[in-house]
């Protein structure tokens, strides 16, 4: 059995750290997008009431939250892609963390 060297283990830990960071950003972006949709749905229920003057602000806020979530998701994906590419340039191609995905 071939035991990995300390460099191989360090590269593997770095790759997994990149994936954890991406997952955290996906979770944050999903929360922002969901919160934006929830705010819009909530403001939709208040239409027709006398608070109608503030609804345009609520709708604008929900659109901003959705846009921030989408922007965060795109930036996280770009950052992950660049980091993985840099790691591959230095140490060669690495396997995905999901073993079954690399066989597809």
N, C-alpha and C. Protein backbone atom coordinates (compact mmCIF):
# COMPACT_ATOMS: atom_id res chain seq x y z
N UNK A 1 0.85 -1.18 0.00
CA UNK A 1 0.00 0.00 0.00
C UNK A 1 0.89 1.24 0.00
N UNK A 2 0.51 2.19 -0.78
CA UNK A 2 1.29 3.40 -0.95
C UNK A 2 0.79 4.48 0.01
N UNK A 3 1.62 4.91 0.92
CA UNK A 3 1.19 5.96 1.85
C UNK A 3 1.48 7.32 1.24
N UNK A 4 0.54 8.25 1.35
CA UNK A 4 0.74 9.57 0.77
C UNK A 4 1.82 10.37 1.51
N UNK A 5 2.49 11.21 0.76
CA UNK A 5 3.51 12.06 1.37
C UNK A 5 2.84 13.24 2.06
N UNK A 6 3.63 13.99 2.82
CA UNK A 6 3.06 15.14 3.53
C UNK A 6 2.59 16.21 2.56
N UNK A 7 3.26 16.33 1.40
CA UNK A 7 2.82 17.31 0.40
C UNK A 7 1.48 16.91 -0.18
N UNK A 8 1.29 15.63 -0.48
CA UNK A 8 0.02 15.15 -1.01
C UNK A 8 -1.11 15.37 -0.01
N UNK A 9 -0.83 15.13 1.26
CA UNK A 9 -1.85 15.36 2.29
C UNK A 9 -2.17 16.84 2.42
N UNK A 10 -1.17 17.69 2.34
CA UNK A 10 -1.40 19.14 2.43
C UNK A 10 -2.22 19.64 1.24
N UNK A 11 -1.94 19.13 0.05
CA UNK A 11 -2.71 19.51 -1.14
C UNK A 11 -4.15 19.04 -0.99
N UNK A 12 -4.33 17.84 -0.48
CA UNK A 12 -5.68 17.31 -0.28
C UNK A 12 -6.45 18.14 0.74
N UNK A 13 -5.80 18.52 1.83
CA UNK A 13 -6.46 19.37 2.84
C UNK A 13 -6.81 20.74 2.26
N UNK A 14 -5.93 21.28 1.44
CA UNK A 14 -6.20 22.58 0.82
C UNK A 14 -7.38 22.49 -0.13
N UNK A 15 -7.41 21.42 -0.93
CA UNK A 15 -8.53 21.23 -1.86
C UNK A 15 -9.85 21.09 -1.11
N UNK A 16 -9.84 20.34 -0.02
CA UNK A 16 -11.06 20.19 0.77
C UNK A 16 -11.46 21.50 1.45
N UNK A 17 -10.47 22.30 1.84
CA UNK A 17 -10.78 23.61 2.41
C UNK A 17 -11.45 24.51 1.37
N UNK A 18 -10.98 24.44 0.12
CA UNK A 18 -11.62 25.20 -0.96
C UNK A 18 -13.07 24.77 -1.13
N UNK A 19 -13.32 23.47 -1.07
CA UNK A 19 -14.68 22.97 -1.23
C UNK A 19 -15.57 23.37 -0.06
N UNK A 20 -15.03 23.34 1.16
CA UNK A 20 -15.82 23.79 2.31
C UNK A 20 -16.16 25.26 2.20
N UNK A 21 -15.21 26.06 1.73
CA UNK A 21 -15.46 27.48 1.55
C UNK A 21 -16.56 27.71 0.52
N UNK A 22 -16.50 26.97 -0.58
CA UNK A 22 -17.55 27.09 -1.60
C UNK A 22 -18.91 26.70 -1.03
N UNK A 23 -18.95 25.61 -0.26
CA UNK A 23 -20.23 25.19 0.34
C UNK A 23 -20.78 26.25 1.29
N UNK A 24 -19.91 26.90 2.04
CA UNK A 24 -20.36 27.96 2.95
C UNK A 24 -20.94 29.13 2.16
N UNK A 25 -20.28 29.49 1.06
CA UNK A 25 -20.79 30.58 0.24
C UNK A 25 -22.12 30.21 -0.42
N UNK A 26 -22.25 28.97 -0.86
CA UNK A 26 -23.52 28.52 -1.46
C UNK A 26 -24.63 28.59 -0.41
N UNK A 27 -24.34 28.17 0.81
CA UNK A 27 -25.33 28.23 1.88
C UNK A 27 -25.73 29.67 2.17
N UNK A 28 -24.75 30.58 2.21
CA UNK A 28 -25.04 31.99 2.47
C UNK A 28 -25.85 32.61 1.33
N UNK A 29 -25.45 32.32 0.09
CA UNK A 29 -26.17 32.86 -1.06
C UNK A 29 -27.60 32.33 -1.11
N UNK A 30 -27.78 31.06 -0.81
CA UNK A 30 -29.12 30.48 -0.79
C UNK A 30 -29.98 31.14 0.28
N UNK A 31 -29.39 31.43 1.42
CA UNK A 31 -30.13 32.11 2.49
C UNK A 31 -30.55 33.51 2.07
N UNK A 32 -29.64 34.24 1.43
CA UNK A 32 -29.97 35.59 0.97
C UNK A 32 -31.08 35.57 -0.07
N UNK A 33 -30.98 34.65 -1.01
CA UNK A 33 -32.01 34.55 -2.06
C UNK A 33 -33.35 34.14 -1.44
N UNK A 34 -33.34 33.18 -0.55
CA UNK A 34 -34.58 32.74 0.11
C UNK A 34 -35.20 33.85 0.93
N UNK A 35 -34.36 34.60 1.63
CA UNK A 35 -34.87 35.72 2.42
C UNK A 35 -35.50 36.78 1.51
N UNK A 36 -34.88 37.03 0.36
CA UNK A 36 -35.45 37.99 -0.59
C UNK A 36 -36.81 37.54 -1.09
N UNK A 37 -36.94 36.26 -1.44
CA UNK A 37 -38.23 35.76 -1.89
C UNK A 37 -39.27 35.78 -0.77
N UNK A 38 -38.85 35.46 0.45
CA UNK A 38 -39.77 35.50 1.58
C UNK A 38 -40.27 36.91 1.85
N UNK A 39 -39.36 37.88 1.77
CA UNK A 39 -39.77 39.28 1.95
C UNK A 39 -40.76 39.70 0.87
N UNK A 40 -40.53 39.29 -0.36
CA UNK A 40 -41.45 39.63 -1.45
C UNK A 40 -42.81 38.99 -1.24
N UNK A 41 -42.82 37.74 -0.81
CA UNK A 41 -44.09 37.05 -0.56
C UNK A 41 -44.83 37.70 0.61
N UNK A 42 -44.08 38.10 1.64
CA UNK A 42 -44.69 38.78 2.78
C UNK A 42 -45.30 40.12 2.35
N UNK A 43 -44.56 40.87 1.53
CA UNK A 43 -45.09 42.16 1.09
C UNK A 43 -46.28 41.99 0.16
N UNK A 44 -46.32 40.86 -0.55
CA UNK A 44 -47.45 40.58 -1.42
C UNK A 44 -48.73 40.40 -0.60
N UNK A 45 -48.61 39.82 0.60
CA UNK A 45 -49.76 39.64 1.48
C UNK A 45 -50.25 40.95 2.08
N UNK A 46 -49.37 41.96 2.14
CA UNK A 46 -49.76 43.24 2.73
C UNK A 46 -50.33 44.22 1.71
N UNK A 47 -50.30 43.87 0.45
CA UNK A 47 -50.84 44.79 -0.57
C UNK A 47 -52.33 44.99 -0.34
N UNK A 48 -52.77 46.17 -0.59
CA UNK A 48 -54.17 46.48 -0.39
C UNK A 48 -54.46 47.03 1.00
N UNK A 49 -53.51 47.01 1.86
CA UNK A 49 -53.68 47.59 3.20
C UNK A 49 -53.19 49.02 3.17
N UNK A 50 -53.35 49.72 4.25
CA UNK A 50 -52.94 51.12 4.27
C UNK A 50 -51.43 51.30 4.36
N UNK A 51 -50.67 50.23 4.52
CA UNK A 51 -49.22 50.33 4.57
C UNK A 51 -48.62 50.31 3.17
N UNK A 52 -49.44 50.42 2.19
CA UNK A 52 -49.03 50.25 0.79
C UNK A 52 -47.88 51.17 0.39
N UNK A 53 -47.72 52.32 1.07
CA UNK A 53 -46.66 53.25 0.70
C UNK A 53 -45.27 52.66 0.95
N UNK A 54 -45.14 51.82 1.95
CA UNK A 54 -43.83 51.25 2.28
C UNK A 54 -43.53 49.98 1.50
N UNK A 55 -44.50 49.47 0.76
CA UNK A 55 -44.28 48.20 0.07
C UNK A 55 -43.26 48.32 -1.05
N UNK A 56 -43.20 49.46 -1.72
CA UNK A 56 -42.22 49.58 -2.79
C UNK A 56 -40.81 49.45 -2.22
N UNK A 57 -40.59 49.98 -1.00
CA UNK A 57 -39.30 49.81 -0.35
C UNK A 57 -39.02 48.37 -0.01
N UNK A 58 -40.05 47.64 0.45
CA UNK A 58 -39.89 46.23 0.78
C UNK A 58 -39.60 45.41 -0.47
N UNK A 59 -40.29 45.72 -1.55
CA UNK A 59 -40.04 45.00 -2.79
C UNK A 59 -38.64 45.30 -3.32
N UNK A 60 -38.22 46.54 -3.24
CA UNK A 60 -36.87 46.89 -3.67
C UNK A 60 -35.83 46.18 -2.81
N UNK A 61 -36.08 46.12 -1.51
CA UNK A 61 -35.16 45.43 -0.61
C UNK A 61 -35.07 43.95 -0.95
N UNK A 62 -36.20 43.33 -1.25
CA UNK A 62 -36.19 41.90 -1.59
C UNK A 62 -35.44 41.67 -2.89
N UNK A 63 -35.58 42.56 -3.85
CA UNK A 63 -34.84 42.42 -5.11
C UNK A 63 -33.34 42.58 -4.87
N UNK A 64 -32.98 43.53 -4.01
CA UNK A 64 -31.56 43.72 -3.68
C UNK A 64 -31.00 42.48 -3.00
N UNK A 65 -31.75 41.88 -2.08
CA UNK A 65 -31.28 40.67 -1.39
C UNK A 65 -31.07 39.52 -2.38
N UNK A 66 -31.99 39.36 -3.31
CA UNK A 66 -31.86 38.30 -4.32
C UNK A 66 -30.64 38.55 -5.20
N UNK A 67 -30.45 39.80 -5.61
CA UNK A 67 -29.30 40.13 -6.47
C UNK A 67 -27.98 39.94 -5.72
N UNK A 68 -27.93 40.31 -4.45
CA UNK A 68 -26.71 40.10 -3.66
C UNK A 68 -26.43 38.61 -3.52
N UNK A 69 -27.46 37.82 -3.31
CA UNK A 69 -27.27 36.37 -3.20
C UNK A 69 -26.75 35.76 -4.49
N UNK A 70 -27.29 36.18 -5.62
CA UNK A 70 -26.83 35.67 -6.91
C UNK A 70 -25.40 36.12 -7.18
N UNK A 71 -25.10 37.38 -6.87
CA UNK A 71 -23.73 37.88 -7.07
C UNK A 71 -22.74 37.14 -6.18
N UNK A 72 -23.12 36.87 -4.93
CA UNK A 72 -22.24 36.13 -4.03
C UNK A 72 -21.99 34.72 -4.55
N UNK A 73 -23.02 34.10 -5.09
CA UNK A 73 -22.88 32.76 -5.63
C UNK A 73 -21.93 32.75 -6.83
N UNK A 74 -22.09 33.70 -7.72
CA UNK A 74 -21.22 33.77 -8.91
C UNK A 74 -19.78 34.05 -8.50
N UNK A 75 -19.58 35.00 -7.58
CA UNK A 75 -18.22 35.32 -7.15
C UNK A 75 -17.57 34.14 -6.43
N UNK A 76 -18.34 33.40 -5.65
CA UNK A 76 -17.80 32.23 -4.95
C UNK A 76 -17.39 31.16 -5.94
N UNK A 77 -18.20 30.96 -6.98
CA UNK A 77 -17.85 29.96 -7.98
C UNK A 77 -16.59 30.36 -8.75
N UNK A 78 -16.46 31.63 -9.08
CA UNK A 78 -15.26 32.09 -9.77
C UNK A 78 -14.04 31.94 -8.87
N UNK A 79 -14.16 32.32 -7.61
CA UNK A 79 -13.05 32.17 -6.68
C UNK A 79 -12.64 30.71 -6.54
N UNK A 80 -13.62 29.82 -6.42
CA UNK A 80 -13.33 28.40 -6.29
C UNK A 80 -12.63 27.88 -7.55
N UNK A 81 -13.12 28.26 -8.70
CA UNK A 81 -12.55 27.81 -9.96
C UNK A 81 -11.10 28.28 -10.09
N UNK A 82 -10.84 29.54 -9.76
CA UNK A 82 -9.47 30.07 -9.84
C UNK A 82 -8.54 29.38 -8.85
N UNK A 83 -9.03 29.16 -7.64
CA UNK A 83 -8.21 28.50 -6.62
C UNK A 83 -7.87 27.08 -7.03
N UNK A 84 -8.86 26.35 -7.53
CA UNK A 84 -8.62 24.98 -7.98
C UNK A 84 -7.66 24.94 -9.15
N UNK A 85 -7.82 25.89 -10.07
CA UNK A 85 -6.93 25.95 -11.22
C UNK A 85 -5.48 26.22 -10.81
N UNK A 86 -5.30 27.13 -9.86
CA UNK A 86 -3.96 27.43 -9.36
C UNK A 86 -3.35 26.20 -8.67
N UNK A 87 -4.15 25.50 -7.88
CA UNK A 87 -3.68 24.30 -7.21
C UNK A 87 -3.30 23.22 -8.22
N UNK A 88 -4.10 23.08 -9.28
CA UNK A 88 -3.80 22.09 -10.31
C UNK A 88 -2.54 22.45 -11.09
N UNK A 89 -2.30 23.75 -11.32
CA UNK A 89 -1.09 24.15 -12.01
C UNK A 89 0.15 23.79 -11.20
N UNK A 90 0.08 23.92 -9.89
CA UNK A 90 1.24 23.66 -9.04
C UNK A 90 1.44 22.17 -8.75
N UNK A 91 0.34 21.44 -8.53
CA UNK A 91 0.47 20.06 -8.04
C UNK A 91 -0.22 19.02 -8.90
N UNK A 92 -0.73 19.39 -10.05
CA UNK A 92 -1.41 18.42 -10.91
C UNK A 92 -2.88 18.30 -10.58
N UNK A 93 -3.57 17.56 -11.43
CA UNK A 93 -5.02 17.40 -11.30
C UNK A 93 -5.36 16.60 -10.05
N UNK A 94 -6.37 17.05 -9.32
CA UNK A 94 -6.83 16.39 -8.10
C UNK A 94 -8.20 15.76 -8.35
N UNK A 95 -8.49 14.70 -7.61
CA UNK A 95 -9.80 14.07 -7.72
C UNK A 95 -10.85 14.91 -7.02
N UNK A 96 -12.10 14.73 -7.44
CA UNK A 96 -13.21 15.36 -6.75
C UNK A 96 -13.40 14.66 -5.42
N UNK A 97 -14.05 15.34 -4.49
CA UNK A 97 -14.28 14.71 -3.20
C UNK A 97 -15.33 13.61 -3.29
N UNK A 98 -16.22 13.72 -4.26
CA UNK A 98 -17.22 12.66 -4.46
C UNK A 98 -16.63 11.66 -5.45
N UNK A 99 -16.27 10.53 -4.97
CA UNK A 99 -15.56 9.53 -5.78
C UNK A 99 -16.38 9.10 -6.98
N UNK A 100 -17.68 8.95 -6.83
CA UNK A 100 -18.52 8.47 -7.93
C UNK A 100 -18.56 9.49 -9.07
N UNK A 101 -18.39 10.75 -8.76
CA UNK A 101 -18.50 11.79 -9.79
C UNK A 101 -17.31 11.73 -10.74
N UNK A 102 -16.16 11.29 -10.28
CA UNK A 102 -14.98 11.24 -11.14
C UNK A 102 -15.05 10.10 -12.16
N UNK A 103 -15.96 9.14 -11.96
CA UNK A 103 -16.09 8.01 -12.89
C UNK A 103 -17.12 8.28 -13.97
N UNK A 104 -17.85 9.35 -13.89
CA UNK A 104 -18.89 9.64 -14.88
C UNK A 104 -18.27 10.11 -16.16
